[in-house]
Amino acid sequence: MIVTLNKLVKGKYGIIIRMNASGEIKRRLLDMGLVKGTRVRVERIAPLGDPIEIKVKGYMLSLRKEEAKSIEVEKE
């Protein structure tokens, strides 16, 4: 099942399949290791859903809700 990263619940994994961001935001996300085929896990979600903390390639990364909405993942 394909969803955006912000829809994954705490403790769930997903594989990045597409990024719908553009420009500087896309470049920054790619530089942080959020590339197609990468496995990510949602570690924490703030009470209002912003920010979302994920684990990617062995490190923790906090994303804004809008950034997470631009990343499509396949649920594991």
C-alpha atoms as a PDB file:
ATOM      1  CA  MET A   1       0.000   0.000   0.000  1.00  0.00           C
ATOM      2  CA  ILE A   2       1.373   3.414  -0.993  1.00  0.00           C
ATOM      3  CA  VAL A   3       0.906   6.385   1.358  1.00  0.00           C
ATOM      4  CA  THR A   4       2.678   9.643   2.101  1.00  0.00           C
ATOM      5  CA  LEU A   5       5.235   9.562   4.897  1.00  0.00           C
ATOM      6  CA  ASN A   6       3.086  11.705   7.191  1.00  0.00           C
ATOM      7  CA  LYS A   7       0.414   8.945   7.156  1.00  0.00           C
ATOM      8  CA  LEU A   8       2.704   6.260   8.628  1.00  0.00           C
ATOM      9  CA  VAL A   9       2.083   5.659  12.324  1.00  0.00           C
ATOM     10  CA  LYS A  10       4.753   5.507  15.016  1.00  0.00           C
ATOM     11  CA  GLY A  11       6.881   2.365  14.804  1.00  0.00           C
ATOM     12  CA  LYS A  12       5.995   1.509  11.187  1.00  0.00           C
ATOM     13  CA  TYR A  13       8.405   1.147   8.282  1.00  0.00           C
ATOM     14  CA  GLY A  14       8.148   2.291   4.696  1.00  0.00           C
ATOM     15  CA  ILE A  15      10.265   2.207   1.557  1.00  0.00           C
ATOM     16  CA  ILE A  16      10.584   5.503  -0.304  1.00  0.00           C
ATOM     17  CA  ILE A  17       9.195   5.180  -3.819  1.00  0.00           C
ATOM     18  CA  ARG A  18       8.724   8.792  -4.953  1.00  0.00           C
ATOM     19  CA  MET A  19       9.382  12.363  -3.913  1.00  0.00           C
ATOM     20  CA  ASN A  20       6.966  15.072  -5.024  1.00  0.00           C
ATOM     21  CA  ALA A  21       8.997  17.999  -3.689  1.00  0.00           C
ATOM     22  CA  SER A  22      10.904  20.280  -6.020  1.00  0.00           C
ATOM     23  CA  GLY A  23      13.739  22.754  -6.035  1.00  0.00           C
ATOM     24  CA  GLU A  24      15.766  23.451  -2.928  1.00  0.00           C
ATOM     25  CA  ILE A  25      13.547  21.353  -0.641  1.00  0.00           C
ATOM     26  CA  LYS A  26      13.951  18.268  -2.840  1.00  0.00           C
ATOM     27  CA  ARG A  27      17.719  18.768  -3.014  1.00  0.00           C
ATOM     28  CA  ARG A  28      17.944  19.095   0.783  1.00  0.00           C
ATOM     29  CA  LEU A  29      15.855  15.952   1.376  1.00  0.00           C
ATOM     30  CA  LEU A  30      17.949  13.975  -1.113  1.00  0.00           C
ATOM     31  CA  ASP A  31      21.148  15.202   0.569  1.00  0.00           C
ATOM     32  CA  MET A  32      19.814  13.865   3.889  1.00  0.00           C
ATOM     33  CA  GLY A  33      19.502  10.380   2.395  1.00  0.00           C
ATOM     34  CA  LEU A  34      15.821  10.330   1.496  1.00  0.00           C
ATOM     35  CA  VAL A  35      16.250   8.639  -1.873  1.00  0.00           C
ATOM     36  CA  LYS A  36      14.165   6.079  -3.731  1.00  0.00           C
ATOM     37  CA  GLY A  37      14.494   2.597  -2.226  1.00  0.00           C
ATOM     38  CA  THR A  38      15.530   3.807   1.234  1.00  0.00           C
ATOM     39  CA  ARG A  39      13.830   2.201   4.243  1.00  0.00           C
ATOM     40  CA  VAL A  40      12.563   4.630   6.877  1.00  0.00           C
ATOM     41  CA  ARG A  41      10.867   4.173  10.250  1.00  0.00           C
ATOM     42  CA  VAL A  42       8.621   6.650  12.031  1.00  0.00           C
ATOM     43  CA  GLU A  43      10.035   7.087  15.548  1.00  0.00           C
ATOM     44  CA  ARG A  44       7.996   9.974  16.980  1.00  0.00           C
ATOM     45  CA  ILE A  45       5.180  12.265  15.970  1.00  0.00           C
ATOM     46  CA  ALA A  46       4.546  15.524  17.805  1.00  0.00           C
ATOM     47  CA  PRO A  47       1.060  15.912  19.348  1.00  0.00           C
ATOM     48  CA  LEU A  48      -0.181  18.106  16.504  1.00  0.00           C
ATOM     49  CA  GLY A  49       1.616  16.030  13.860  1.00  0.00           C
ATOM     50  CA  ASP A  50       4.453  18.459  13.280  1.00  0.00           C
ATOM     51  CA  PRO A  51       7.353  17.633  13.294  1.00  0.00           C
ATOM     52  CA  ILE A  52       7.718  13.941  12.488  1.00  0.00           C
ATOM     53  CA  GLU A  53      10.904  12.203  13.590  1.00  0.00           C
ATOM     54  CA  ILE A  54      12.099   9.332  11.410  1.00  0.00           C
ATOM     55  CA  LYS A  55      15.050   6.983  11.393  1.00  0.00           C
ATOM     56  CA  VAL A  56      16.845   6.776   8.059  1.00  0.00           C
ATOM     57  CA  LYS A  57      20.205   5.142   7.316  1.00  0.00           C
ATOM     58  CA  GLY A  58      21.031   4.820  11.017  1.00  0.00           C
ATOM     59  CA  TYR A  59      20.326   8.387  12.111  1.00  0.00           C
ATOM     60  CA  MET A  60      17.337  10.381  13.348  1.00  0.00           C
ATOM     61  CA  LEU A  61      15.830  13.084  11.182  1.00  0.00           C
ATOM     62  CA  SER A  62      13.013  15.526  11.960  1.00  0.00           C
ATOM     63  CA  LEU A  63      10.764  16.583   9.097  1.00  0.00           C
ATOM     64  CA  ARG A  64       8.024  19.161   8.898  1.00  0.00           C
ATOM     65  CA  LYS A  65       4.595  17.752   8.121  1.00  0.00           C
ATOM     66  CA  GLU A  66       4.604  19.442   4.696  1.00  0.00           C
ATOM     67  CA  GLU A  67       7.956  17.844   3.830  1.00  0.00           C
ATOM     68  CA  ALA A  68       6.688  14.419   4.899  1.00  0.00           C
ATOM     69  CA  LYS A  69       3.587  14.869   2.716  1.00  0.00           C
ATOM     70  CA  SER A  70       5.826  15.168  -0.344  1.00  0.00           C
ATOM     71  CA  ILE A  71       7.414  11.729   0.208  1.00  0.00           C
ATOM     72  CA  GLU A  72       5.517   8.635  -0.959  1.00  0.00           C
ATOM     73  CA  VAL A  73       6.361   5.335   0.718  1.00  0.00           C
ATOM     74  CA  GLU A  74       5.263   1.754   0.379  1.00  0.00           C
ATOM     75  CA  LYS A  75       4.178   0.375   3.760  1.00  0.00           C
ATOM     76  CA  GLU A  76       6.001  -2.719   4.989  1.00  0.00           C
END
